[in-house]
Amino acid sequence: GEGGFAFVYLVKDFTNGREFALKKILAQTEEQLKAGQNEMLMHKRFAHPNLLPLLDSAVVKLPPSSSASNSPSAVYLLFPVYKDGNLQQLLSKSPTQGRLFSPAQVLGLLDQICAA
């Protein structure tokens, strides 16, 4: 998947066959680099069962492009892969599949969100 300045790749460790999600944040400016580094630091600070743990991270200087005046960077964040989607995706597809959450399920989800 991809966003404004980020791409998420499904990557595989060929030594053991495990799959991971690798997020690459492109930083063309110092402000974007600081935002990427801030995201990296926030992931390192938070540990909770309902948040994906950051397994590894790196900031890499990229070769300058011919049109850029400064050298771009990339912030890499490595996470465990979770192929079932996220809460927003689950909530979006539930009504279209005729599934509604019970009050107990809604309270359980809200409890987990508040605990994060």
C-alpha atoms as a PDB file:
ATOM      1  CA  GLY A   1       0.000   0.000   0.000  1.00  0.00           C
ATOM      2  CA  GLU A   2       1.014   3.616  -0.197  1.00  0.00           C
ATOM      3  CA  GLY A   3       0.212   7.017   1.221  1.00  0.00           C
ATOM      4  CA  GLY A   4       1.396  10.559   0.516  1.00  0.00           C
ATOM      5  CA  PHE A   5       5.091  10.008   1.217  1.00  0.00           C
ATOM      6  CA  ALA A   6       5.115   6.389   2.367  1.00  0.00           C
ATOM      7  CA  PHE A   7       4.943   2.942   0.869  1.00  0.00           C
ATOM      8  CA  VAL A   8       4.358  -0.357   2.679  1.00  0.00           C
ATOM      9  CA  TYR A   9       5.911  -3.487   1.231  1.00  0.00           C
ATOM     10  CA  LEU A  10       5.375  -7.125   2.126  1.00  0.00           C
ATOM     11  CA  VAL A  11       8.900  -8.505   2.591  1.00  0.00           C
ATOM     12  CA  LYS A  12      10.190 -11.985   3.351  1.00  0.00           C
ATOM     13  CA  ASP A  13      13.150 -13.217   5.370  1.00  0.00           C
ATOM     14  CA  PHE A  14      14.509 -15.975   3.152  1.00  0.00           C
ATOM     15  CA  THR A  15      16.429 -17.580   6.017  1.00  0.00           C
ATOM     16  CA  ASN A  16      13.250 -18.580   7.873  1.00  0.00           C
ATOM     17  CA  GLY A  17      10.349 -17.753   5.522  1.00  0.00           C
ATOM     18  CA  ARG A  18       8.762 -15.167   7.864  1.00  0.00           C
ATOM     19  CA  GLU A  19       6.954 -12.218   6.310  1.00  0.00           C
ATOM     20  CA  PHE A  20       7.078  -8.624   7.534  1.00  0.00           C
ATOM     21  CA  ALA A  21       5.619  -5.245   6.675  1.00  0.00           C
ATOM     22  CA  LEU A  22       8.305  -2.730   5.680  1.00  0.00           C
ATOM     23  CA  LYS A  23       7.201   0.898   5.687  1.00  0.00           C
ATOM     24  CA  LYS A  24       9.369   3.281   3.660  1.00  0.00           C
ATOM     25  CA  ILE A  25       8.824   6.983   4.352  1.00  0.00           C
ATOM     26  CA  LEU A  26      10.362   9.210   1.674  1.00  0.00           C
ATOM     27  CA  ALA A  27      11.762  12.494   2.961  1.00  0.00           C
ATOM     28  CA  GLN A  28      12.637  15.162   0.402  1.00  0.00           C
ATOM     29  CA  THR A  29      12.903  17.956   3.002  1.00  0.00           C
ATOM     30  CA  GLU A  30      14.262  18.310   6.536  1.00  0.00           C
ATOM     31  CA  GLU A  31      10.679  18.710   7.789  1.00  0.00           C
ATOM     32  CA  GLN A  32       9.635  15.396   6.214  1.00  0.00           C
ATOM     33  CA  LEU A  33      12.739  13.707   7.614  1.00  0.00           C
ATOM     34  CA  LYS A  34      11.955  14.979  11.118  1.00  0.00           C
ATOM     35  CA  ALA A  35       8.351  13.769  10.773  1.00  0.00           C
ATOM     36  CA  GLY A  36       9.582  10.303   9.731  1.00  0.00           C
ATOM     37  CA  GLN A  37      12.072  10.188  12.586  1.00  0.00           C
ATOM     38  CA  ASN A  38       9.330  11.299  14.984  1.00  0.00           C
ATOM     39  CA  GLU A  39       7.107   8.431  13.797  1.00  0.00           C
ATOM     40  CA  MET A  40      10.008   6.040  14.358  1.00  0.00           C
ATOM     41  CA  LEU A  41      10.535   7.357  17.901  1.00  0.00           C
ATOM     42  CA  MET A  42       6.819   7.146  18.737  1.00  0.00           C
ATOM     43  CA  HIS A  43       6.698   3.504  17.635  1.00  0.00           C
ATOM     44  CA  LYS A  44       9.761   2.761  19.791  1.00  0.00           C
ATOM     45  CA  ARG A  45       8.181   4.385  22.867  1.00  0.00           C
ATOM     46  CA  PHE A  46       4.831   2.590  22.809  1.00  0.00           C
ATOM     47  CA  ALA A  47       4.413  -1.064  23.690  1.00  0.00           C
ATOM     48  CA  HIS A  48       0.862  -2.376  23.908  1.00  0.00           C
ATOM     49  CA  PRO A  49      -0.810  -5.665  22.870  1.00  0.00           C
ATOM     50  CA  ASN A  50      -3.094  -3.761  20.444  1.00  0.00           C
ATOM     51  CA  LEU A  51      -0.268  -1.912  18.680  1.00  0.00           C
ATOM     52  CA  LEU A  52       2.094  -3.487  16.198  1.00  0.00           C
ATOM     53  CA  PRO A  53       5.592  -3.582  17.661  1.00  0.00           C
ATOM     54  CA  LEU A  54       8.388  -1.895  15.756  1.00  0.00           C
ATOM     55  CA  LEU A  55      10.928  -4.655  15.117  1.00  0.00           C
ATOM     56  CA  ASP A  56      13.650  -2.556  13.509  1.00  0.00           C
ATOM     57  CA  SER A  57      14.205   0.822  11.902  1.00  0.00           C
ATOM     58  CA  ALA A  58      16.758   2.786   9.921  1.00  0.00           C
ATOM     59  CA  VAL A  59      17.296   6.178   8.326  1.00  0.00           C
ATOM     60  CA  VAL A  60      19.113   5.987   4.986  1.00  0.00           C
ATOM     61  CA  LYS A  61      20.440   8.818   2.823  1.00  0.00           C
ATOM     62  CA  LEU A  62      19.399   8.285  -0.807  1.00  0.00           C
ATOM     63  CA  PRO A  63      21.354   9.387  -3.871  1.00  0.00           C
ATOM     64  CA  PRO A  64      20.387  12.930  -4.902  1.00  0.00           C
ATOM     65  CA  SER A  65      18.111  13.269  -7.901  1.00  0.00           C
ATOM     66  CA  SER A  66      19.079  15.603 -10.713  1.00  0.00           C
ATOM     67  CA  SER A  67      16.216  17.991  -9.920  1.00  0.00           C
ATOM     68  CA  ALA A  68      16.662  18.088  -6.122  1.00  0.00           C
ATOM     69  CA  SER A  69      18.920  20.617  -4.421  1.00  0.00           C
ATOM     70  CA  ASN A  70      19.380  18.414  -1.347  1.00  0.00           C
ATOM     71  CA  SER A  71      19.888  14.723  -0.764  1.00  0.00           C
ATOM     72  CA  PRO A  72      16.643  12.855   0.023  1.00  0.00           C
ATOM     73  CA  SER A  73      16.371  10.287   2.808  1.00  0.00           C
ATOM     74  CA  ALA A  74      14.211   7.299   3.597  1.00  0.00           C
ATOM     75  CA  VAL A  75      12.997   6.184   7.005  1.00  0.00           C
ATOM     76  CA  TYR A  76      12.417   2.425   7.135  1.00  0.00           C
ATOM     77  CA  LEU A  77      10.147   0.836   9.763  1.00  0.00           C
ATOM     78  CA  LEU A  78       9.855  -2.952  10.056  1.00  0.00           C
ATOM     79  CA  PHE A  79       6.715  -4.468  11.598  1.00  0.00           C
ATOM     80  CA  PRO A  80       5.211  -7.923  11.904  1.00  0.00           C
ATOM     81  CA  VAL A  81       2.767  -8.503   9.080  1.00  0.00           C
ATOM     82  CA  TYR A  82      -0.951  -8.525   9.845  1.00  0.00           C
ATOM     83  CA  LYS A  83      -2.869  -9.605   6.746  1.00  0.00           C
ATOM     84  CA  ASP A  84      -6.397  -9.400   8.168  1.00  0.00           C
ATOM     85  CA  GLY A  85      -6.563  -5.606   7.800  1.00  0.00           C
ATOM     86  CA  ASN A  86      -7.096  -2.992  10.449  1.00  0.00           C
ATOM     87  CA  LEU A  87     -10.041  -1.949  12.608  1.00  0.00           C
ATOM     88  CA  GLN A  88     -11.230   0.643  10.098  1.00  0.00           C
ATOM     89  CA  GLN A  89     -11.322  -1.952   7.308  1.00  0.00           C
ATOM     90  CA  LEU A  90     -13.181  -4.394   9.550  1.00  0.00           C
ATOM     91  CA  LEU A  91     -15.769  -1.757  10.466  1.00  0.00           C
ATOM     92  CA  SER A  92     -16.199  -0.675   6.834  1.00  0.00           C
ATOM     93  CA  LYS A  93     -16.874  -4.132   5.419  1.00  0.00           C
ATOM     94  CA  SER A  94     -19.060  -5.463   8.243  1.00  0.00           C
ATOM     95  CA  PRO A  95     -22.314  -3.687   7.217  1.00  0.00           C
ATOM     96  CA  THR A  96     -21.863  -4.653   3.550  1.00  0.00           C
ATOM     97  CA  GLN A  97     -21.546  -8.307   4.554  1.00  0.00           C
ATOM     98  CA  GLY A  98     -24.645  -8.104   6.744  1.00  0.00           C
ATOM     99  CA  ARG A  99     -22.616  -8.351   9.938  1.00  0.00           C
ATOM    100  CA  LEU A 100     -23.118  -6.007  12.822  1.00  0.00           C
ATOM    101  CA  PHE A 101     -21.156  -5.972  16.035  1.00  0.00           C
ATOM    102  CA  SER A 102     -22.908  -6.948  19.225  1.00  0.00           C
ATOM    103  CA  PRO A 103     -22.889  -4.418  22.084  1.00  0.00           C
ATOM    104  CA  ALA A 104     -20.372  -6.615  23.913  1.00  0.00           C
ATOM    105  CA  GLN A 105     -18.037  -6.618  20.886  1.00  0.00           C
ATOM    106  CA  VAL A 106     -18.304  -2.823  20.558  1.00  0.00           C
ATOM    107  CA  LEU A 107     -17.497  -2.356  24.248  1.00  0.00           C
ATOM    108  CA  GLY A 108     -14.566  -4.747  23.925  1.00  0.00           C
ATOM    109  CA  LEU A 109     -13.176  -2.800  20.957  1.00  0.00           C
ATOM    110  CA  LEU A 110     -13.632   0.539  22.731  1.00  0.00           C
ATOM    111  CA  ASP A 111     -11.923  -0.847  25.833  1.00  0.00           C
ATOM    112  CA  GLN A 112      -8.925  -1.935  23.748  1.00  0.00           C
ATOM    113  CA  ILE A 113      -8.746   1.450  21.990  1.00  0.00           C
ATOM    114  CA  CYS A 114      -8.891   3.345  25.296  1.00  0.00           C
ATOM    115  CA  ALA A 115      -6.248   1.059  26.833  1.00  0.00           C
ATOM    116  CA  ALA A 116      -3.835   1.848  23.988  1.00  0.00           C
END
